[in-house]
ModelCIF file with pLDDT and N, C-alpha, C, O atoms, coordinates in Angstrom:
data_MODEL
#
_entry.id   MODEL 
#
_entity.id                         1 
_entity.type                       polymer 
_entity.pdbx_number_of_molecules   1 
#
_entity_poly.entity_id                      1 
_entity_poly.type                           'polypeptide(L)' 
_entity_poly.nstd_linkage                   no 
_entity_poly.nstd_monomer                   no 
_entity_poly.pdbx_seq_one_letter_code       DAKEVYVLGEVLRPQSLSFRTDDMTLTQALGRAGGLNPVTSSSKS 
_entity_poly.pdbx_seq_one_letter_code_can   DAKEVYVLGEVLRPQSLSFRTDDMTLTQALGRAGGLNPVTSSSKS 
_entity_poly.pdbx_strand_id                 A 
#
loop_
_entity_poly_seq.entity_id 
_entity_poly_seq.num 
_entity_poly_seq.mon_id 
_entity_poly_seq.hetero 
1 1  ASP n 
1 2  ALA n 
1 3  LYS n 
1 4  GLU n 
1 5  VAL n 
1 6  TYR n 
1 7  VAL n 
1 8  LEU n 
1 9  GLY n 
1 10 GLU n 
1 11 VAL n 
1 12 LEU n 
1 13 ARG n 
1 14 PRO n 
1 15 GLN n 
1 16 SER n 
1 17 LEU n 
1 18 SER n 
1 19 PHE n 
1 20 ARG n 
1 21 THR n 
1 22 ASP n 
1 23 ASP n 
1 24 MET n 
1 25 THR n 
1 26 LEU n 
1 27 THR n 
1 28 GLN n 
1 29 ALA n 
1 30 LEU n 
1 31 GLY n 
1 32 ARG n 
1 33 ALA n 
1 34 GLY n 
1 35 GLY n 
1 36 LEU n 
1 37 ASN n 
1 38 PRO n 
1 39 VAL n 
1 40 THR n 
1 41 SER n 
1 42 SER n 
1 43 SER n 
1 44 LYS n 
1 45 SER n 
#
_struct_asym.id          A 
_struct_asym.entity_id   1 
#
loop_
_ma_qa_metric.id 
_ma_qa_metric.mode 
_ma_qa_metric.name 
_ma_qa_metric.software_group_id 
_ma_qa_metric.type 
1 global pLDDT . pLDDT 
2 local  pLDDT . pLDDT 
#
_ma_qa_metric_global.metric_id      1 
_ma_qa_metric_global.metric_value   81.02 
_ma_qa_metric_global.model_id       1 
_ma_qa_metric_global.ordinal_id     1 
#
loop_
_ma_qa_metric_local.label_asym_id 
_ma_qa_metric_local.label_comp_id 
_ma_qa_metric_local.label_seq_id 
_ma_qa_metric_local.metric_id 
_ma_qa_metric_local.metric_value 
_ma_qa_metric_local.model_id 
_ma_qa_metric_local.ordinal_id 
A ASP 1  2 79.00 1 1  
A ALA 2  2 74.00 1 2  
A LYS 3  2 79.00 1 3  
A GLU 4  2 83.00 1 4  
A VAL 5  2 87.00 1 5  
A TYR 6  2 88.00 1 6  
A VAL 7  2 91.00 1 7  
A LEU 8  2 87.00 1 8  
A GLY 9  2 85.00 1 9  
A GLU 10 2 86.00 1 10 
A VAL 11 2 88.00 1 11 
A LEU 12 2 89.00 1 12 
A ARG 13 2 90.00 1 13 
A PRO 14 2 89.00 1 14 
A GLN 15 2 87.00 1 15 
A SER 16 2 85.00 1 16 
A LEU 17 2 86.00 1 17 
A SER 18 2 79.00 1 18 
A PHE 19 2 73.00 1 19 
A ARG 20 2 67.00 1 20 
A THR 21 2 63.00 1 21 
A ASP 22 2 61.00 1 22 
A ASP 23 2 71.00 1 23 
A MET 24 2 84.00 1 24 
A THR 25 2 90.00 1 25 
A LEU 26 2 92.00 1 26 
A THR 27 2 92.00 1 27 
A GLN 28 2 91.00 1 28 
A ALA 29 2 92.00 1 29 
A LEU 30 2 92.00 1 30 
A GLY 31 2 91.00 1 31 
A ARG 32 2 89.00 1 32 
A ALA 33 2 90.00 1 33 
A GLY 34 2 89.00 1 34 
A GLY 35 2 85.00 1 35 
A LEU 36 2 82.00 1 36 
A ASN 37 2 76.00 1 37 
A PRO 38 2 73.00 1 38 
A VAL 39 2 67.00 1 39 
A THR 40 2 61.00 1 40 
A SER 41 2 56.00 1 41 
A SER 42 2 60.00 1 42 
A SER 43 2 63.00 1 43 
A LYS 44 2 78.00 1 44 
A SER 45 2 86.00 1 45 
#
loop_
_atom_site.group_PDB 
_atom_site.id 
_atom_site.type_symbol 
_atom_site.label_atom_id 
_atom_site.label_alt_id 
_atom_site.label_comp_id 
_atom_site.label_asym_id 
_atom_site.label_entity_id 
_atom_site.label_seq_id 
_atom_site.pdbx_PDB_ins_code 
_atom_site.Cartn_x 
_atom_site.Cartn_y 
_atom_site.Cartn_z 
_atom_site.occupancy 
_atom_site.B_iso_or_equiv 
_atom_site.pdbx_formal_charge 
_atom_site.auth_seq_id 
_atom_site.auth_comp_id 
_atom_site.auth_asym_id 
_atom_site.auth_atom_id 
_atom_site.pdbx_PDB_model_num 
ATOM 1   N N  . ASP A 1 1  ? 13.480  -8.371  6.932   1.00 79.00 ? 1  ASP A N  1 
ATOM 2   C CA . ASP A 1 1  ? 13.664  -8.422  5.478   1.00 79.00 ? 1  ASP A CA 1 
ATOM 3   C C  . ASP A 1 1  ? 12.951  -9.607  4.831   1.00 79.00 ? 1  ASP A C  1 
ATOM 4   O O  . ASP A 1 1  ? 12.733  -9.608  3.620   1.00 79.00 ? 1  ASP A O  1 
ATOM 5   N N  . ALA A 1 2  ? 12.586  -10.607 5.618   1.00 74.00 ? 2  ALA A N  1 
ATOM 6   C CA . ALA A 1 2  ? 11.876  -11.754 5.058   1.00 74.00 ? 2  ALA A CA 1 
ATOM 7   C C  . ALA A 1 2  ? 10.361  -11.614 5.195   1.00 74.00 ? 2  ALA A C  1 
ATOM 8   O O  . ALA A 1 2  ? 9.617   -12.496 4.766   1.00 74.00 ? 2  ALA A O  1 
ATOM 9   N N  . LYS A 1 3  ? 9.900   -10.511 5.791   1.00 79.00 ? 3  LYS A N  1 
ATOM 10  C CA . LYS A 1 3  ? 8.467   -10.310 6.004   1.00 79.00 ? 3  LYS A CA 1 
ATOM 11  C C  . LYS A 1 3  ? 8.057   -9.000  5.350   1.00 79.00 ? 3  LYS A C  1 
ATOM 12  O O  . LYS A 1 3  ? 8.462   -7.921  5.782   1.00 79.00 ? 3  LYS A O  1 
ATOM 13  N N  . GLU A 1 4  ? 7.252   -9.107  4.305   1.00 83.00 ? 4  GLU A N  1 
ATOM 14  C CA . GLU A 1 4  ? 6.855   -7.916  3.558   1.00 83.00 ? 4  GLU A CA 1 
ATOM 15  C C  . GLU A 1 4  ? 5.377   -7.968  3.201   1.00 83.00 ? 4  GLU A C  1 
ATOM 16  O O  . GLU A 1 4  ? 4.762   -9.032  3.132   1.00 83.00 ? 4  GLU A O  1 
ATOM 17  N N  . VAL A 1 5  ? 4.835   -6.784  2.976   1.00 87.00 ? 5  VAL A N  1 
ATOM 18  C CA . VAL A 1 5  ? 3.503   -6.621  2.412   1.00 87.00 ? 5  VAL A CA 1 
ATOM 19  C C  . VAL A 1 5  ? 3.683   -5.927  1.071   1.00 87.00 ? 5  VAL A C  1 
ATOM 20  O O  . VAL A 1 5  ? 4.444   -4.965  0.966   1.00 87.00 ? 5  VAL A O  1 
ATOM 21  N N  . TYR A 1 6  ? 2.991   -6.406  0.047   1.00 88.00 ? 6  TYR A N  1 
ATOM 22  C CA . TYR A 1 6  ? 3.151   -5.877  -1.302  1.00 88.00 ? 6  TYR A CA 1 
ATOM 23  C C  . TYR A 1 6  ? 1.928   -5.039  -1.654  1.00 88.00 ? 6  TYR A C  1 
ATOM 24  O O  . TYR A 1 6  ? 0.801   -5.532  -1.611  1.00 88.00 ? 6  TYR A O  1 
ATOM 25  N N  . VAL A 1 7  ? 2.148   -3.777  -2.002  1.00 91.00 ? 7  VAL A N  1 
ATOM 26  C CA . VAL A 1 7  ? 1.059   -2.875  -2.374  1.00 91.00 ? 7  VAL A CA 1 
ATOM 27  C C  . VAL A 1 7  ? 1.205   -2.562  -3.857  1.00 91.00 ? 7  VAL A C  1 
ATOM 28  O O  . VAL A 1 7  ? 2.182   -1.940  -4.271  1.00 91.00 ? 7  VAL A O  1 
ATOM 29  N N  . LEU A 1 8  ? 0.235   -2.992  -4.652  1.00 87.00 ? 8  LEU A N  1 
ATOM 30  C CA . LEU A 1 8  ? 0.338   -2.893  -6.108  1.00 87.00 ? 8  LEU A CA 1 
ATOM 31  C C  . LEU A 1 8  ? -0.937  -2.295  -6.682  1.00 87.00 ? 8  LEU A C  1 
ATOM 32  O O  . LEU A 1 8  ? -1.893  -2.015  -5.960  1.00 87.00 ? 8  LEU A O  1 
ATOM 33  N N  . GLY A 1 9  ? -0.930  -2.104  -8.007  1.00 85.00 ? 9  GLY A N  1 
ATOM 34  C CA . GLY A 1 9  ? -2.107  -1.584  -8.692  1.00 85.00 ? 9  GLY A CA 1 
ATOM 35  C C  . GLY A 1 9  ? -2.110  -0.076  -8.728  1.00 85.00 ? 9  GLY A C  1 
ATOM 36  O O  . GLY A 1 9  ? -1.056  0.547   -8.858  1.00 85.00 ? 9  GLY A O  1 
ATOM 37  N N  . GLU A 1 10 ? -3.275  0.513   -8.615  1.00 86.00 ? 10 GLU A N  1 
ATOM 38  C CA . GLU A 1 10 ? -3.433  1.945   -8.842  1.00 86.00 ? 10 GLU A CA 1 
ATOM 39  C C  . GLU A 1 10 ? -3.242  2.741   -7.549  1.00 86.00 ? 10 GLU A C  1 
ATOM 40  O O  . GLU A 1 10 ? -4.153  3.385   -7.028  1.00 86.00 ? 10 GLU A O  1 
ATOM 41  N N  . VAL A 1 11 ? -2.004  2.656   -7.069  1.00 88.00 ? 11 VAL A N  1 
ATOM 42  C CA . VAL A 1 11 ? -1.546  3.498   -5.961  1.00 88.00 ? 11 VAL A CA 1 
ATOM 43  C C  . VAL A 1 11 ? -0.417  4.362   -6.510  1.00 88.00 ? 11 VAL A C  1 
ATOM 44  O O  . VAL A 1 11 ? 0.115   4.097   -7.588  1.00 88.00 ? 11 VAL A O  1 
ATOM 45  N N  . LEU A 1 12 ? -0.061  5.392   -5.758  1.00 89.00 ? 12 LEU A N  1 
ATOM 46  C CA . LEU A 1 12 ? 0.951   6.321   -6.268  1.00 89.00 ? 12 LEU A CA 1 
ATOM 47  C C  . LEU A 1 12 ? 2.338   5.704   -6.322  1.00 89.00 ? 12 LEU A C  1 
ATOM 48  O O  . LEU A 1 12 ? 3.102   5.982   -7.247  1.00 89.00 ? 12 LEU A O  1 
ATOM 49  N N  . ARG A 1 13 ? 2.684   4.853   -5.322  1.00 90.00 ? 13 ARG A N  1 
ATOM 50  C CA . ARG A 1 13 ? 4.030   4.277   -5.289  1.00 90.00 ? 13 ARG A CA 1 
ATOM 51  C C  . ARG A 1 13 ? 3.942   2.776   -5.025  1.00 90.00 ? 13 ARG A C  1 
ATOM 52  O O  . ARG A 1 13 ? 4.108   2.346   -3.883  1.00 90.00 ? 13 ARG A O  1 
ATOM 53  N N  . PRO A 1 14 ? 3.684   1.967   -6.061  1.00 89.00 ? 14 PRO A N  1 
ATOM 54  C CA . PRO A 1 14 ? 3.657   0.509   -5.844  1.00 89.00 ? 14 PRO A CA 1 
ATOM 55  C C  . PRO A 1 14 ? 4.996   0.042   -5.276  1.00 89.00 ? 14 PRO A C  1 
ATOM 56  O O  . PRO A 1 14 ? 6.051   0.434   -5.774  1.00 89.00 ? 14 PRO A O  1 
ATOM 57  N N  . GLN A 1 15 ? 4.958   -0.787  -4.243  1.00 87.00 ? 15 GLN A N  1 
ATOM 58  C CA . GLN A 1 15 ? 6.201   -1.194  -3.595  1.00 87.00 ? 15 GLN A CA 1 
ATOM 59  C C  . GLN A 1 15 ? 5.940   -2.328  -2.618  1.00 87.00 ? 15 GLN A C  1 
ATOM 60  O O  . GLN A 1 15 ? 4.797   -2.658  -2.300  1.00 87.00 ? 15 GLN A O  1 
ATOM 61  N N  . SER A 1 16 ? 7.050   -2.918  -2.147  1.00 85.00 ? 16 SER A N  1 
ATOM 62  C CA . SER A 1 16 ? 6.967   -3.865  -1.038  1.00 85.00 ? 16 SER A CA 1 
ATOM 63  C C  . SER A 1 16 ? 7.314   -3.112  0.236   1.00 85.00 ? 16 SER A C  1 
ATOM 64  O O  . SER A 1 16 ? 8.227   -2.287  0.247   1.00 85.00 ? 16 SER A O  1 
ATOM 65  N N  . LEU A 1 17 ? 6.585   -3.397  1.308   1.00 86.00 ? 17 LEU A N  1 
ATOM 66  C CA . LEU A 1 17 ? 6.761   -2.696  2.574   1.00 86.00 ? 17 LEU A CA 1 
ATOM 67  C C  . LEU A 1 17 ? 7.339   -3.652  3.602   1.00 86.00 ? 17 LEU A C  1 
ATOM 68  O O  . LEU A 1 17 ? 6.834   -4.759  3.788   1.00 86.00 ? 17 LEU A O  1 
ATOM 69  N N  . SER A 1 18 ? 8.398   -3.219  4.268   1.00 79.00 ? 18 SER A N  1 
ATOM 70  C CA . SER A 1 18 ? 8.947   -4.019  5.357   1.00 79.00 ? 18 SER A CA 1 
ATOM 71  C C  . SER A 1 18 ? 7.921   -4.122  6.470   1.00 79.00 ? 18 SER A C  1 
ATOM 72  O O  . SER A 1 18 ? 7.281   -3.136  6.838   1.00 79.00 ? 18 SER A O  1 
ATOM 73  N N  . PHE A 1 19 ? 7.773   -5.312  6.995   1.00 73.00 ? 19 PHE A N  1 
ATOM 74  C CA . PHE A 1 19 ? 6.752   -5.572  8.001   1.00 73.00 ? 19 PHE A CA 1 
ATOM 75  C C  . PHE A 1 19 ? 7.389   -5.417  9.378   1.00 73.00 ? 19 PHE A C  1 
ATOM 76  O O  . PHE A 1 19 ? 7.927   -6.372  9.939   1.00 73.00 ? 19 PHE A O  1 
ATOM 77  N N  . ARG A 1 20 ? 7.318   -4.191  9.917   1.00 67.00 ? 20 ARG A N  1 
ATOM 78  C CA . ARG A 1 20 ? 8.008   -3.914  11.169  1.00 67.00 ? 20 ARG A CA 1 
ATOM 79  C C  . ARG A 1 20 ? 7.328   -4.562  12.369  1.00 67.00 ? 20 ARG A C  1 
ATOM 80  O O  . ARG A 1 20 ? 7.989   -4.982  13.319  1.00 67.00 ? 20 ARG A O  1 
ATOM 81  N N  . THR A 1 21 ? 6.010   -4.638  12.317  1.00 63.00 ? 21 THR A N  1 
ATOM 82  C CA . THR A 1 21 ? 5.265   -5.206  13.438  1.00 63.00 ? 21 THR A CA 1 
ATOM 83  C C  . THR A 1 21 ? 4.144   -6.068  12.893  1.00 63.00 ? 21 THR A C  1 
ATOM 84  O O  . THR A 1 21 ? 3.908   -6.118  11.686  1.00 63.00 ? 21 THR A O  1 
ATOM 85  N N  . ASP A 1 22 ? 3.449   -6.754  13.810  1.00 61.00 ? 22 ASP A N  1 
ATOM 86  C CA . ASP A 1 22 ? 2.271   -7.518  13.411  1.00 61.00 ? 22 ASP A CA 1 
ATOM 87  C C  . ASP A 1 22 ? 1.009   -6.688  13.575  1.00 61.00 ? 22 ASP A C  1 
ATOM 88  O O  . ASP A 1 22 ? -0.082  -7.234  13.735  1.00 61.00 ? 22 ASP A O  1 
ATOM 89  N N  . ASP A 1 23 ? 1.155   -5.371  13.534  1.00 71.00 ? 23 ASP A N  1 
ATOM 90  C CA . ASP A 1 23 ? 0.021   -4.502  13.802  1.00 71.00 ? 23 ASP A CA 1 
ATOM 91  C C  . ASP A 1 23 ? -0.148  -3.446  12.703  1.00 71.00 ? 23 ASP A C  1 
ATOM 92  O O  . ASP A 1 23 ? -0.559  -2.319  12.982  1.00 71.00 ? 23 ASP A O  1 
ATOM 93  N N  . MET A 1 24 ? 0.168   -3.809  11.452  1.00 84.00 ? 24 MET A N  1 
ATOM 94  C CA . MET A 1 24 ? 0.006   -2.877  10.343  1.00 84.00 ? 24 MET A CA 1 
ATOM 95  C C  . MET A 1 24 ? -1.418  -2.968  9.813   1.00 84.00 ? 24 MET A C  1 
ATOM 96  O O  . MET A 1 24 ? -1.903  -4.055  9.497   1.00 84.00 ? 24 MET A O  1 
ATOM 97  N N  . THR A 1 25 ? -2.080  -1.831  9.720   1.00 90.00 ? 25 THR A N  1 
ATOM 98  C CA . THR A 1 25 ? -3.441  -1.811  9.189   1.00 90.00 ? 25 THR A CA 1 
ATOM 99  C C  . THR A 1 25 ? -3.409  -1.580  7.692   1.00 90.00 ? 25 THR A C  1 
ATOM 100 O O  . THR A 1 25 ? -2.390  -1.181  7.128   1.00 90.00 ? 25 THR A O  1 
ATOM 101 N N  . LEU A 1 26 ? -4.551  -1.839  7.055   1.00 92.00 ? 26 LEU A N  1 
ATOM 102 C CA . LEU A 1 26 ? -4.667  -1.597  5.619   1.00 92.00 ? 26 LEU A CA 1 
ATOM 103 C C  . LEU A 1 26 ? -4.483  -0.110  5.324   1.00 92.00 ? 26 LEU A C  1 
ATOM 104 O O  . LEU A 1 26 ? -3.895  0.242   4.302   1.00 92.00 ? 26 LEU A O  1 
ATOM 105 N N  . THR A 1 27 ? -4.965  0.753   6.182   1.00 92.00 ? 27 THR A N  1 
ATOM 106 C CA . THR A 1 27 ? -4.768  2.201   6.005   1.00 92.00 ? 27 THR A CA 1 
ATOM 107 C C  . THR A 1 27 ? -3.290  2.551   5.998   1.00 92.00 ? 27 THR A C  1 
ATOM 108 O O  . THR A 1 27 ? -2.837  3.331   5.161   1.00 92.00 ? 27 THR A O  1 
ATOM 109 N N  . GLN A 1 28 ? -2.538  1.975   6.928   1.00 91.00 ? 28 GLN A N  1 
ATOM 110 C CA . GLN A 1 28 ? -1.102  2.269   6.999   1.00 91.00 ? 28 GLN A CA 1 
ATOM 111 C C  . GLN A 1 28 ? -0.370  1.749   5.766   1.00 91.00 ? 28 GLN A C  1 
ATOM 112 O O  . GLN A 1 28 ? 0.523   2.422   5.249   1.00 91.00 ? 28 GLN A O  1 
ATOM 113 N N  . ALA A 1 29 ? -0.733  0.569   5.292   1.00 92.00 ? 29 ALA A N  1 
ATOM 114 C CA . ALA A 1 29 ? -0.092  0.003   4.108   1.00 92.00 ? 29 ALA A CA 1 
ATOM 115 C C  . ALA A 1 29 ? -0.338  0.884   2.886   1.00 92.00 ? 29 ALA A C  1 
ATOM 116 O O  . ALA A 1 29 ? 0.588   1.166   2.125   1.00 92.00 ? 29 ALA A O  1 
ATOM 117 N N  . LEU A 1 30 ? -1.585  1.317   2.696   1.00 92.00 ? 30 LEU A N  1 
ATOM 118 C CA . LEU A 1 30 ? -1.897  2.190   1.567   1.00 92.00 ? 30 LEU A CA 1 
ATOM 119 C C  . LEU A 1 30 ? -1.209  3.540   1.713   1.00 92.00 ? 30 LEU A C  1 
ATOM 120 O O  . LEU A 1 30 ? -0.749  4.118   0.728   1.00 92.00 ? 30 LEU A O  1 
ATOM 121 N N  . GLY A 1 31 ? -1.138  4.046   2.953   1.00 91.00 ? 31 GLY A N  1 
ATOM 122 C CA . GLY A 1 31 ? -0.500  5.337   3.179   1.00 91.00 ? 31 GLY A CA 1 
ATOM 123 C C  . GLY A 1 31 ? 0.979   5.312   2.863   1.00 91.00 ? 31 GLY A C  1 
ATOM 124 O O  . GLY A 1 31 ? 1.506   6.271   2.299   1.00 91.00 ? 31 GLY A O  1 
ATOM 125 N N  . ARG A 1 32 ? 1.658   4.235   3.214   1.00 89.00 ? 32 ARG A N  1 
ATOM 126 C CA . ARG A 1 32 ? 3.094   4.144   2.922   1.00 89.00 ? 32 ARG A CA 1 
ATOM 127 C C  . ARG A 1 32 ? 3.353   4.004   1.429   1.00 89.00 ? 32 ARG A C  1 
ATOM 128 O O  . ARG A 1 32 ? 4.458   4.275   0.959   1.00 89.00 ? 32 ARG A O  1 
ATOM 129 N N  . ALA A 1 33 ? 2.326   3.576   0.676   1.00 90.00 ? 33 ALA A N  1 
ATOM 130 C CA . ALA A 1 33 ? 2.458   3.492   -0.786  1.00 90.00 ? 33 ALA A CA 1 
ATOM 131 C C  . ALA A 1 33 ? 1.950   4.758   -1.468  1.00 90.00 ? 33 ALA A C  1 
ATOM 132 O O  . ALA A 1 33 ? 1.797   4.781   -2.689  1.00 90.00 ? 33 ALA A O  1 
ATOM 133 N N  . GLY A 1 34 ? 1.689   5.801   -0.701  1.00 89.00 ? 34 GLY A N  1 
ATOM 134 C CA . GLY A 1 34 ? 1.270   7.071   -1.271  1.00 89.00 ? 34 GLY A CA 1 
ATOM 135 C C  . GLY A 1 34 ? -0.226  7.231   -1.424  1.00 89.00 ? 34 GLY A C  1 
ATOM 136 O O  . GLY A 1 34 ? -0.692  8.284   -1.860  1.00 89.00 ? 34 GLY A O  1 
ATOM 137 N N  . GLY A 1 35 ? -0.990  6.205   -1.074  1.00 85.00 ? 35 GLY A N  1 
ATOM 138 C CA . GLY A 1 35 ? -2.440  6.284   -1.197  1.00 85.00 ? 35 GLY A CA 1 
ATOM 139 C C  . GLY A 1 35 ? -2.920  5.929   -2.596  1.00 85.00 ? 35 GLY A C  1 
ATOM 140 O O  . GLY A 1 35 ? -2.125  5.674   -3.500  1.00 85.00 ? 35 GLY A O  1 
ATOM 141 N N  . LEU A 1 36 ? -4.239  5.917   -2.754  1.00 82.00 ? 36 LEU A N  1 
ATOM 142 C CA . LEU A 1 36 ? -4.826  5.583   -4.059  1.00 82.00 ? 36 LEU A CA 1 
ATOM 143 C C  . LEU A 1 36 ? -4.561  6.701   -5.064  1.00 82.00 ? 36 LEU A C  1 
ATOM 144 O O  . LEU A 1 36 ? -4.537  7.883   -4.719  1.00 82.00 ? 36 LEU A O  1 
ATOM 145 N N  . ASN A 1 37 ? -4.363  6.294   -6.309  1.00 76.00 ? 37 ASN A N  1 
ATOM 146 C CA . ASN A 1 37 ? -4.156  7.263   -7.380  1.00 76.00 ? 37 ASN A CA 1 
ATOM 147 C C  . ASN A 1 37 ? -5.475  7.995   -7.634  1.00 76.00 ? 37 ASN A C  1 
ATOM 148 O O  . ASN A 1 37 ? -6.440  7.364   -8.067  1.00 76.00 ? 37 ASN A O  1 
ATOM 149 N N  . PRO A 1 38 ? -5.547  9.297   -7.381  1.00 73.00 ? 38 PRO A N  1 
ATOM 150 C CA . PRO A 1 38 ? -6.827  10.015  -7.502  1.00 73.00 ? 38 PRO A CA 1 
ATOM 151 C C  . PRO A 1 38 ? -7.343  10.085  -8.936  1.00 73.00 ? 38 PRO A C  1 
ATOM 152 O O  . PRO A 1 38 ? -8.534  10.313  -9.149  1.00 73.00 ? 38 PRO A O  1 
ATOM 153 N N  . VAL A 1 39 ? -6.464  9.894   -9.927  1.00 67.00 ? 39 VAL A N  1 
ATOM 154 C CA . VAL A 1 39 ? -6.876  10.014  -11.318 1.00 67.00 ? 39 VAL A CA 1 
ATOM 155 C C  . VAL A 1 39 ? -7.590  8.762   -11.799 1.00 67.00 ? 39 VAL A C  1 
ATOM 156 O O  . VAL A 1 39 ? -8.573  8.845   -12.535 1.00 67.00 ? 39 VAL A O  1 
ATOM 157 N N  . THR A 1 40 ? -7.093  7.596   -11.381 1.00 61.00 ? 40 THR A N  1 
ATOM 158 C CA . THR A 1 40 ? -7.586  6.347   -11.961 1.00 61.00 ? 40 THR A CA 1 
ATOM 159 C C  . THR A 1 40 ? -8.362  5.464   -11.005 1.00 61.00 ? 40 THR A C  1 
ATOM 160 O O  . THR A 1 40 ? -8.934  4.462   -11.432 1.00 61.00 ? 40 THR A O  1 
ATOM 161 N N  . SER A 1 41 ? -8.401  5.806   -9.716  1.00 56.00 ? 41 SER A N  1 
ATOM 162 C CA . SER A 1 41 ? -8.950  4.866   -8.747  1.00 56.00 ? 41 SER A CA 1 
ATOM 163 C C  . SER A 1 41 ? -10.342 5.234   -8.247  1.00 56.00 ? 41 SER A C  1 
ATOM 164 O O  . SER A 1 41 ? -10.791 4.688   -7.240  1.00 56.00 ? 41 SER A O  1 
ATOM 165 N N  . SER A 1 42 ? -11.033 6.143   -8.922  1.00 60.00 ? 42 SER A N  1 
ATOM 166 C CA . SER A 1 42 ? -12.324 6.601   -8.424  1.00 60.00 ? 42 SER A CA 1 
ATOM 167 C C  . SER A 1 42 ? -13.368 5.498   -8.409  1.00 60.00 ? 42 SER A C  1 
ATOM 168 O O  . SER A 1 42 ? -14.281 5.534   -7.584  1.00 60.00 ? 42 SER A O  1 
ATOM 169 N N  . SER A 1 43 ? -13.262 4.531   -9.290  1.00 63.00 ? 43 SER A N  1 
ATOM 170 C CA . SER A 1 43 ? -14.261 3.462   -9.344  1.00 63.00 ? 43 SER A CA 1 
ATOM 171 C C  . SER A 1 43 ? -13.632 2.106   -9.037  1.00 63.00 ? 43 SER A C  1 
ATOM 172 O O  . SER A 1 43 ? -14.013 1.087   -9.613  1.00 63.00 ? 43 SER A O  1 
ATOM 173 N N  . LYS A 1 44 ? -12.688 2.110   -8.144  1.00 78.00 ? 44 LYS A N  1 
ATOM 174 C CA . LYS A 1 44 ? -11.931 0.898   -7.873  1.00 78.00 ? 44 LYS A CA 1 
ATOM 175 C C  . LYS A 1 44 ? -12.283 0.302   -6.519  1.00 78.00 ? 44 LYS A C  1 
ATOM 176 O O  . LYS A 1 44 ? -12.981 0.903   -5.703  1.00 78.00 ? 44 LYS A O  1 
ATOM 177 N N  . SER A 1 45 ? -11.769 -0.908  -6.316  1.00 86.00 ? 45 SER A N  1 
ATOM 178 C CA . SER A 1 45 ? -11.843 -1.567  -5.021  1.00 86.00 ? 45 SER A CA 1 
ATOM 179 C C  . SER A 1 45 ? -10.418 -1.837  -4.530  1.00 86.00 ? 45 SER A C  1 
ATOM 180 O O  . SER A 1 45 ? -10.233 -2.391  -3.447  1.00 86.00 ? 45 SER A O  1 
#
């Protein structure tokens, strides 16, 4: 509960993610937040 990754901006479900392991990839973090918003994120980083 004291270790989190925060996924914000133009994703489908902005949220804080519990950090279960030290092996979370950027793909997994974005996936748990629902992925990039297809409507607004076409020209994003």
